[in-house]
């Protein structure tokens, strides 16, 4: 929600800057706002990608653990079958 508010404020600031004279200060401020917003977007995308990768690794790890448990259970079943003839 904070990112949305920051982007909203930046857009409003750009709108106000557009009403003023088009001088070097306004151009620099506009460029800075655009760069800051782009940086925030890249950071958000990076965080989303890292979270998705982390979730995928956790899922794979759980699947490997479950497979290991299944092998252990199968070994126990074989052992029980040979012991309880």
PDB file of N, CA and C in Angstrom:
ATOM      1  N   UNK A   1       0.834  -1.183   0.000  1.00  0.00           N
ATOM      2  CA  UNK A   1       0.000   0.000   0.000  1.00  0.00           C
ATOM      3  C   UNK A   1       0.881   1.250   0.000  1.00  0.00           C
ATOM      4  N   UNK A   2       2.021   1.174   0.694  1.00  0.00           N
ATOM      5  CA  UNK A   2       2.914   2.333   0.726  1.00  0.00           C
ATOM      6  C   UNK A   2       3.439   2.650  -0.662  1.00  0.00           C
ATOM      7  N   UNK A   3       3.722   1.598  -1.451  1.00  0.00           N
ATOM      8  CA  UNK A   3       4.240   1.815  -2.799  1.00  0.00           C
ATOM      9  C   UNK A   3       3.212   2.542  -3.652  1.00  0.00           C
ATOM     10  N   UNK A   4       1.959   2.163  -3.492  1.00  0.00           N
ATOM     11  CA  UNK A   4       0.895   2.825  -4.252  1.00  0.00           C
ATOM     12  C   UNK A   4       0.818   4.292  -3.855  1.00  0.00           C
ATOM     13  N   UNK A   5       0.934   4.565  -2.557  1.00  0.00           N
ATOM     14  CA  UNK A   5       0.875   5.953  -2.092  1.00  0.00           C
ATOM     15  C   UNK A   5       2.062   6.742  -2.620  1.00  0.00           C
ATOM     16  N   UNK A   6       3.248   6.120  -2.630  1.00  0.00           N
ATOM     17  CA  UNK A   6       4.444   6.813  -3.125  1.00  0.00           C
ATOM     18  C   UNK A   6       4.295   7.120  -4.607  1.00  0.00           C
ATOM     19  N   UNK A   7       3.807   6.144  -5.360  1.00  0.00           N
ATOM     20  CA  UNK A   7       3.619   6.359  -6.792  1.00  0.00           C
ATOM     21  C   UNK A   7       2.579   7.444  -7.027  1.00  0.00           C
ATOM     22  N   UNK A   8       1.507   7.436  -6.236  1.00  0.00           N
ATOM     23  CA  UNK A   8       0.459   8.464  -6.375  1.00  0.00           C
ATOM     24  C   UNK A   8       1.021   9.843  -6.106  1.00  0.00           C
ATOM     25  N   UNK A   9       1.794   9.970  -5.053  1.00  0.00           N
ATOM     26  CA  UNK A   9       2.401  11.264  -4.714  1.00  0.00           C
ATOM     27  C   UNK A   9       3.345  11.704  -5.826  1.00  0.00           C
ATOM     28  N   UNK A  10       4.123  10.770  -6.349  1.00  0.00           N
ATOM     29  CA  UNK A  10       5.057  11.114  -7.422  1.00  0.00           C
ATOM     30  C   UNK A  10       4.308  11.590  -8.664  1.00  0.00           C
ATOM     31  N   UNK A  11       3.213  10.921  -8.997  1.00  0.00           N
ATOM     32  CA  UNK A  11       2.420  11.321 -10.166  1.00  0.00           C
ATOM     33  C   UNK A  11       1.823  12.709  -9.952  1.00  0.00           C
ATOM     34  N   UNK A  12       1.308  12.943  -8.745  1.00  0.00           N
ATOM     35  CA  UNK A  12       0.763  14.272  -8.452  1.00  0.00           C
ATOM     36  C   UNK A  12       1.851  15.338  -8.518  1.00  0.00           C
ATOM     37  N   UNK A  13       3.037  15.018  -8.007  1.00  0.00           N
ATOM     38  CA  UNK A  13       4.145  15.971  -8.059  1.00  0.00           C
ATOM     39  C   UNK A  13       4.527  16.273  -9.504  1.00  0.00           C
ATOM     40  N   UNK A  14       4.525  15.240 -10.334  1.00  0.00           N
ATOM     41  CA  UNK A  14       4.823  15.462 -11.748  1.00  0.00           C
ATOM     42  C   UNK A  14       3.763  16.337 -12.403  1.00  0.00           C
ATOM     43  N   UNK A  15       2.517  16.127 -12.028  1.00  0.00           N
ATOM     44  CA  UNK A  15       1.431  16.938 -12.566  1.00  0.00           C
ATOM     45  C   UNK A  15       1.577  18.400 -12.176  1.00  0.00           C
ATOM     46  N   UNK A  16       1.935  18.629 -10.912  1.00  0.00           N
ATOM     47  CA  UNK A  16       2.160  20.004 -10.466  1.00  0.00           C
ATOM     48  C   UNK A  16       3.369  20.611 -11.144  1.00  0.00           C
ATOM     49  N   UNK A  17       4.414  19.825 -11.310  1.00  0.00           N
ATOM     50  CA  UNK A  17       5.617  20.332 -11.963  1.00  0.00           C
ATOM     51  C   UNK A  17       5.323  20.708 -13.408  1.00  0.00           C
ATOM     52  N   UNK A  18       4.413  19.997 -14.029  1.00  0.00           N
ATOM     53  CA  UNK A  18       4.065  20.292 -15.419  1.00  0.00           C
ATOM     54  C   UNK A  18       3.371  21.641 -15.551  1.00  0.00           C
ATOM     55  N   UNK A  19       2.755  22.123 -14.473  1.00  0.00           N
ATOM     56  CA  UNK A  19       2.083  23.416 -14.505  1.00  0.00           C
ATOM     57  C   UNK A  19       3.068  24.576 -14.428  1.00  0.00           C
ATOM     58  N   UNK A  20       4.245  24.320 -13.922  1.00  0.00           N
ATOM     59  CA  UNK A  20       5.260  25.369 -13.781  1.00  0.00           C
ATOM     60  C   UNK A  20       6.015  25.543 -15.091  1.00  0.00           C
ATOM     61  N   UNK A  21       6.914  26.533 -15.080  1.00  0.00           N
ATOM     62  CA  UNK A  21       7.765  26.725 -16.248  1.00  0.00           C
ATOM     63  C   UNK A  21       8.576  25.462 -16.493  1.00  0.00           C
ATOM     64  N   UNK A  22       8.846  25.201 -17.721  1.00  0.00           N
ATOM     65  CA  UNK A  22       9.646  24.029 -18.072  1.00  0.00           C
ATOM     66  C   UNK A  22      11.111  24.423 -18.051  1.00  0.00           C
ATOM     67  N   UNK A  23      11.718  24.358 -16.881  1.00  0.00           N
ATOM     68  CA  UNK A  23      13.122  24.732 -16.764  1.00  0.00           C
ATOM     69  C   UNK A  23      13.956  23.533 -16.335  1.00  0.00           C
ATOM     70  N   UNK A  24      15.238  23.744 -16.187  1.00  0.00           N
ATOM     71  CA  UNK A  24      16.159  22.647 -15.875  1.00  0.00           C
ATOM     72  C   UNK A  24      15.831  21.995 -14.534  1.00  0.00           C
ATOM     73  N   UNK A  25      15.404  22.777 -13.552  1.00  0.00           N
ATOM     74  CA  UNK A  25      15.079  22.212 -12.235  1.00  0.00           C
ATOM     75  C   UNK A  25      13.887  21.259 -12.333  1.00  0.00           C
ATOM     76  N   UNK A  26      12.858  21.670 -13.060  1.00  0.00           N
ATOM     77  CA  UNK A  26      11.690  20.804 -13.224  1.00  0.00           C
ATOM     78  C   UNK A  26      12.054  19.538 -13.988  1.00  0.00           C
ATOM     79  N   UNK A  27      12.872  19.700 -15.018  1.00  0.00           N
ATOM     80  CA  UNK A  27      13.280  18.528 -15.784  1.00  0.00           C
ATOM     81  C   UNK A  27      14.064  17.557 -14.910  1.00  0.00           C
ATOM     82  N   UNK A  28      14.947  18.090 -14.079  1.00  0.00           N
ATOM     83  CA  UNK A  28      15.741  17.231 -13.192  1.00  0.00           C
ATOM     84  C   UNK A  28      14.838  16.540 -12.173  1.00  0.00           C
ATOM     85  N   UNK A  29      13.871  17.268 -11.644  1.00  0.00           N
ATOM     86  CA  UNK A  29      12.950  16.684 -10.670  1.00  0.00           C
ATOM     87  C   UNK A  29      12.119  15.585 -11.323  1.00  0.00           C
ATOM     88  N   UNK A  30      11.681  15.827 -12.548  1.00  0.00           N
ATOM     89  CA  UNK A  30      10.900  14.812 -13.267  1.00  0.00           C
ATOM     90  C   UNK A  30      11.730  13.565 -13.530  1.00  0.00           C
ATOM     91  N   UNK A  31      12.971  13.767 -13.948  1.00  0.00           N
ATOM     92  CA  UNK A  31      13.853  12.627 -14.204  1.00  0.00           C
ATOM     93  C   UNK A  31      14.092  11.830 -12.926  1.00  0.00           C
ATOM     94  N   UNK A  32      14.294  12.540 -11.822  1.00  0.00           N
ATOM     95  CA  UNK A  32      14.529  11.870 -10.539  1.00  0.00           C
ATOM     96  C   UNK A  32      13.301  11.069 -10.127  1.00  0.00           C
ATOM     97  N   UNK A  33      12.120  11.642 -10.303  1.00  0.00           N
ATOM     98  CA  UNK A  33      10.886  10.933  -9.942  1.00  0.00           C
ATOM     99  C   UNK A  33      10.707   9.686 -10.798  1.00  0.00           C
ATOM    100  N   UNK A  34      10.987   9.800 -12.076  1.00  0.00           N
ATOM    101  CA  UNK A  34      10.866   8.651 -12.974  1.00  0.00           C
ATOM    102  C   UNK A  34      11.858   7.559 -12.569  1.00  0.00           C
ATOM    103  N   UNK A  35      13.095   7.962 -12.257  1.00  0.00           N
ATOM    104  CA  UNK A  35      14.112   6.985 -11.860  1.00  0.00           C
ATOM    105  C   UNK A  35      13.742   6.323 -10.532  1.00  0.00           C
ATOM    106  N   UNK A  36      13.233   7.101  -9.594  1.00  0.00           N
ATOM    107  CA  UNK A  36      12.831   6.534  -8.304  1.00  0.00           C
ATOM    108  C   UNK A  36      11.682   5.537  -8.469  1.00  0.00           C
ATOM    109  N   UNK A  37      10.716   5.894  -9.303  1.00  0.00           N
ATOM    110  CA  UNK A  37       9.591   4.979  -9.535  1.00  0.00           C
ATOM    111  C   UNK A  37      10.051   3.712 -10.243  1.00  0.00           C
ATOM    112  N   UNK A  38      10.959   3.856 -11.200  1.00  0.00           N
ATOM    113  CA  UNK A  38      11.487   2.688 -11.894  1.00  0.00           C
ATOM    114  C   UNK A  38      12.241   1.798 -10.912  1.00  0.00           C
ATOM    115  N   UNK A  39      13.000   2.413 -10.032  1.00  0.00           N
ATOM    116  CA  UNK A  39      13.741   1.643  -9.026  1.00  0.00           C
ATOM    117  C   UNK A  39      12.794   0.899  -8.099  1.00  0.00           C
ATOM    118  N   UNK A  40      11.728   1.552  -7.686  1.00  0.00           N
ATOM    119  CA  UNK A  40      10.735   0.899  -6.816  1.00  0.00           C
ATOM    120  C   UNK A  40      10.077  -0.274  -7.544  1.00  0.00           C
ATOM    121  N   UNK A  41       9.784  -0.101  -8.830  1.00  0.00           N
ATOM    122  CA  UNK A  41       9.184  -1.182  -9.611  1.00  0.00           C
ATOM    123  C   UNK A  41      10.132  -2.371  -9.742  1.00  0.00           C
ATOM    124  N   UNK A  42      11.407  -2.077  -9.990  1.00  0.00           N
ATOM    125  CA  UNK A  42      12.401  -3.151 -10.120  1.00  0.00           C
ATOM    126  C   UNK A  42      12.550  -3.884  -8.793  1.00  0.00           C
ATOM    127  N   UNK A  43      12.594  -3.133  -7.692  1.00  0.00           N
ATOM    128  CA  UNK A  43      12.711  -3.767  -6.378  1.00  0.00           C
ATOM    129  C   UNK A  43      11.509  -4.653  -6.091  1.00  0.00           C
ATOM    130  N   UNK A  44      10.322  -4.184  -6.413  1.00  0.00           N
ATOM    131  CA  UNK A  44       9.112  -4.979  -6.177  1.00  0.00           C
ATOM    132  C   UNK A  44       9.132  -6.250  -7.028  1.00  0.00           C
ATOM    133  N   UNK A  45       9.528  -6.118  -8.285  1.00  0.00           N
ATOM    134  CA  UNK A  45       9.597  -7.286  -9.165  1.00  0.00           C
ATOM    135  C   UNK A  45      10.641  -8.283  -8.673  1.00  0.00           C
ATOM    136  N   UNK A  46      11.773  -7.757  -8.205  1.00  0.00           N
ATOM    137  CA  UNK A  46      12.827  -8.630  -7.679  1.00  0.00           C
ATOM    138  C   UNK A  46      12.334  -9.377  -6.455  1.00  0.00           C
ATOM    139  N   UNK A  47      11.674  -8.660  -5.559  1.00  0.00           N
ATOM    140  CA  UNK A  47      11.141  -9.306  -4.356  1.00  0.00           C
ATOM    141  C   UNK A  47      10.127 -10.382  -4.716  1.00  0.00           C
ATOM    142  N   UNK A  48       9.261 -10.097  -5.683  1.00  0.00           N
ATOM    143  CA  UNK A  48       8.269 -11.086  -6.117  1.00  0.00           C
ATOM    144  C   UNK A  48       8.959 -12.319  -6.695  1.00  0.00           C
ATOM    145  N   UNK A  49       9.996 -12.104  -7.494  1.00  0.00           N
ATOM    146  CA  UNK A  49      10.715 -13.220  -8.105  1.00  0.00           C
ATOM    147  C   UNK A  49      11.416 -14.062  -7.050  1.00  0.00           C
ATOM    148  N   UNK A  50      12.042 -13.401  -6.092  1.00  0.00           N
ATOM    149  CA  UNK A  50      12.740 -14.123  -5.019  1.00  0.00           C
ATOM    150  C   UNK A  50      11.750 -14.932  -4.200  1.00  0.00           C
ATOM    151  N   UNK A  51      10.606 -14.332  -3.885  1.00  0.00           N
ATOM    152  CA  UNK A  51       9.586 -15.057  -3.119  1.00  0.00           C
ATOM    153  C   UNK A  51       9.056 -16.259  -3.894  1.00  0.00           C
ATOM    154  N   UNK A  52       8.844 -16.097  -5.184  1.00  0.00           N
ATOM    155  CA  UNK A  52       8.348 -17.200  -6.005  1.00  0.00           C
ATOM    156  C   UNK A  52       9.380 -18.329  -6.063  1.00  0.00           C
ATOM    157  N   UNK A  53      10.643 -17.965  -6.232  1.00  0.00           N
ATOM    158  CA  UNK A  53      11.698 -18.979  -6.277  1.00  0.00           C
ATOM    159  C   UNK A  53      11.816 -19.690  -4.934  1.00  0.00           C
ATOM    160  N   UNK A  54      11.721 -18.931  -3.860  1.00  0.00           N
ATOM    161  CA  UNK A  54      11.794 -19.521  -2.521  1.00  0.00           C
ATOM    162  C   UNK A  54      10.646 -20.501  -2.296  1.00  0.00           C
ATOM    163  N   UNK A  55       9.455 -20.116  -2.710  1.00  0.00           N
ATOM    164  CA  UNK A  55       8.295 -21.009  -2.584  1.00  0.00           C
ATOM    165  C   UNK A  55       8.475 -22.274  -3.415  1.00  0.00           C
ATOM    166  N   UNK A  56       9.023 -22.126  -4.622  1.00  0.00           N
ATOM    167  CA  UNK A  56       9.242 -23.295  -5.477  1.00  0.00           C
ATOM    168  C   UNK A  56      10.266 -24.236  -4.851  1.00  0.00           C
ATOM    169  N   UNK A  57      11.330 -23.669  -4.278  1.00  0.00           N
ATOM    170  CA  UNK A  57      12.339 -24.506  -3.623  1.00  0.00           C
ATOM    171  C   UNK A  57      11.764 -25.219  -2.404  1.00  0.00           C
ATOM    172  N   UNK A  58      10.943 -24.519  -1.650  1.00  0.00           N
ATOM    173  CA  UNK A  58      10.302 -25.152  -0.494  1.00  0.00           C
ATOM    174  C   UNK A  58       9.388 -26.294  -0.922  1.00  0.00           C
ATOM    175  N   UNK A  59       8.650 -26.082  -1.993  1.00  0.00           N
ATOM    176  CA  UNK A  59       7.764 -27.119  -2.501  1.00  0.00           C
ATOM    177  C   UNK A  59       8.565 -28.333  -2.959  1.00  0.00           C
ATOM    178  N   UNK A  60       9.665 -28.092  -3.677  1.00  0.00           N
ATOM    179  CA  UNK A  60      10.510 -29.195  -4.135  1.00  0.00           C
ATOM    180  C   UNK A  60      11.126 -29.932  -2.953  1.00  0.00           C
ATOM    181  N   UNK A  61      11.562 -29.181  -1.962  1.00  0.00           N
ATOM    182  CA  UNK A  61      12.147 -29.801  -0.769  1.00  0.00           C
ATOM    183  C   UNK A  61      11.129 -30.683  -0.054  1.00  0.00           C
ATOM    184  N   UNK A  62       9.908 -30.189   0.044  1.00  0.00           N
ATOM    185  CA  UNK A  62       8.845 -30.986   0.670  1.00  0.00           C
ATOM    186  C   UNK A  62       8.567 -32.253  -0.135  1.00  0.00           C
ATOM    187  N   UNK A  63       8.591 -32.149  -1.450  1.00  0.00           N
ATOM    188  CA  UNK A  63       8.347 -33.317  -2.294  1.00  0.00           C
ATOM    189  C   UNK A  63       9.447 -34.356  -2.101  1.00  0.00           C
ATOM    190  N   UNK A  64      10.700 -33.914  -2.018  1.00  0.00           N
ATOM    191  CA  UNK A  64      11.821 -34.834  -1.795  1.00  0.00           C
ATOM    192  C   UNK A  64      11.692 -35.495  -0.428  1.00  0.00           C
ATOM    193  N   UNK A  65      11.321 -34.718   0.568  1.00  0.00           N
ATOM    194  CA  UNK A  65      11.135 -35.267   1.913  1.00  0.00           C
ATOM    195  C   UNK A  65      10.018 -36.302   1.932  1.00  0.00           C
ATOM    196  N   UNK A  66       8.926 -35.990   1.246  1.00  0.00           N
ATOM    197  CA  UNK A  66       7.805 -36.938   1.170  1.00  0.00           C
ATOM    198  C   UNK A  66       8.222 -38.227   0.457  1.00  0.00           C
ATOM    199  N   UNK A  67       9.009 -38.101  -0.594  1.00  0.00           N
ATOM    200  CA  UNK A  67       9.483 -39.281  -1.312  1.00  0.00           C
ATOM    201  C   UNK A  67      10.386 -40.119  -0.404  1.00  0.00           C
ATOM    202  N   UNK A  68      11.229 -39.463   0.356  1.00  0.00           N
ATOM    203  CA  UNK A  68      12.088 -40.176   1.303  1.00  0.00           C
ATOM    204  C   UNK A  68      11.271 -40.921   2.344  1.00  0.00           C
ATOM    205  N   UNK A  69      10.224 -40.280   2.820  1.00  0.00           N
ATOM    206  CA  UNK A  69       9.341 -40.942   3.783  1.00  0.00           C
ATOM    207  C   UNK A  69       8.649 -42.150   3.158  1.00  0.00           C
ATOM    208  N   UNK A  70       8.252 -42.018   1.907  1.00  0.00           N
ATOM    209  CA  UNK A  70       7.590 -43.134   1.222  1.00  0.00           C
ATOM    210  C   UNK A  70       8.544 -44.319   1.080  1.00  0.00           C
ATOM    211  N   UNK A  71       9.797 -44.034   0.772  1.00  0.00           N
ATOM    212  CA  UNK A  71      10.794 -45.106   0.662  1.00  0.00           C
ATOM    213  C   UNK A  71      10.978 -45.774   2.022  1.00  0.00           C
ATOM    214  N   UNK A  72      11.074 -44.977   3.076  1.00  0.00           N
ATOM    215  CA  UNK A  72      11.205 -45.532   4.420  1.00  0.00           C
ATOM    216  C   UNK A  72      10.013 -46.394   4.803  1.00  0.00           C
ATOM    217  N   UNK A  73       8.834 -45.931   4.462  1.00  0.00           N
ATOM    218  CA  UNK A  73       7.624 -46.711   4.748  1.00  0.00           C
ATOM    219  C   UNK A  73       7.614 -48.016   3.970  1.00  0.00           C
ATOM    220  N   UNK A  74       8.059 -47.981   2.721  1.00  0.00           N
ATOM    221  CA  UNK A  74       8.104 -49.191   1.913  1.00  0.00           C
ATOM    222  C   UNK A  74       9.101 -50.191   2.497  1.00  0.00           C
ATOM    223  N   UNK A  75      10.232 -49.673   2.952  1.00  0.00           N
ATOM    224  CA  UNK A  75      11.219 -50.561   3.568  1.00  0.00           C
ATOM    225  C   UNK A  75      10.650 -51.212   4.836  1.00  0.00           C
ATOM    226  N   UNK A  76       9.950 -50.424   5.602  1.00  0.00           N
ATOM    227  CA  UNK A  76       9.327 -50.977   6.815  1.00  0.00           C
ATOM    228  C   UNK A  76       8.287 -52.034   6.466  1.00  0.00           C
ATOM    229  N   UNK A  77       7.521 -51.792   5.421  1.00  0.00           N
ATOM    230  CA  UNK A  77       6.503 -52.758   5.003  1.00  0.00           C
ATOM    231  C   UNK A  77       7.141 -54.068   4.562  1.00  0.00           C
ATOM    232  N   UNK A  78       8.233 -53.963   3.813  1.00  0.00           N
ATOM    233  CA  UNK A  78       8.941 -55.174   3.373  1.00  0.00           C
ATOM    234  C   UNK A  78       9.497 -55.911   4.585  1.00  0.00           C
ATOM    235  N   UNK A  79      10.074 -55.169   5.508  1.00  0.00           N
ATOM    236  CA  UNK A  79      10.630 -55.793   6.721  1.00  0.00           C
ATOM    237  C   UNK A  79       9.553 -56.476   7.534  1.00  0.00           C
ATOM    238  N   UNK A  80       8.420 -55.805   7.669  1.00  0.00           N
ATOM    239  CA  UNK A  80       7.305 -56.388   8.411  1.00  0.00           C
ATOM    240  C   UNK A  80       6.758 -57.624   7.721  1.00  0.00           C
ATOM    241  N   UNK A  81       6.696 -57.592   6.401  1.00  0.00           N
ATOM    242  CA  UNK A  81       6.163 -58.732   5.654  1.00  0.00           C
ATOM    243  C   UNK A  81       7.069 -59.947   5.805  1.00  0.00           C
ATOM    244  N   UNK A  82       8.361 -59.725   5.798  1.00  0.00           N
ATOM    245  CA  UNK A  82       9.276 -60.873   5.927  1.00  0.00           C
ATOM    246  C   UNK A  82       9.340 -61.372   7.363  1.00  0.00           C
ATOM    247  N   UNK A  83       9.131 -60.502   8.326  1.00  0.00           N
ATOM    248  CA  UNK A  83       9.159 -60.901   9.736  1.00  0.00           C
ATOM    249  C   UNK A  83       7.872 -61.598  10.145  1.00  0.00           C
ATOM    250  N   UNK A  84       6.754 -61.154   9.618  1.00  0.00           N
ATOM    251  CA  UNK A  84       5.444 -61.665  10.024  1.00  0.00           C
ATOM    252  C   UNK A  84       4.882 -62.658   9.018  1.00  0.00           C
ATOM    253  N   UNK A  85       5.659 -63.599   8.583  1.00  0.00           N
ATOM    254  CA  UNK A  85       5.209 -64.584   7.588  1.00  0.00           C
ATOM    255  C   UNK A  85       4.121 -65.457   8.145  1.00  0.00           C
TER     256      UNK A  85
END
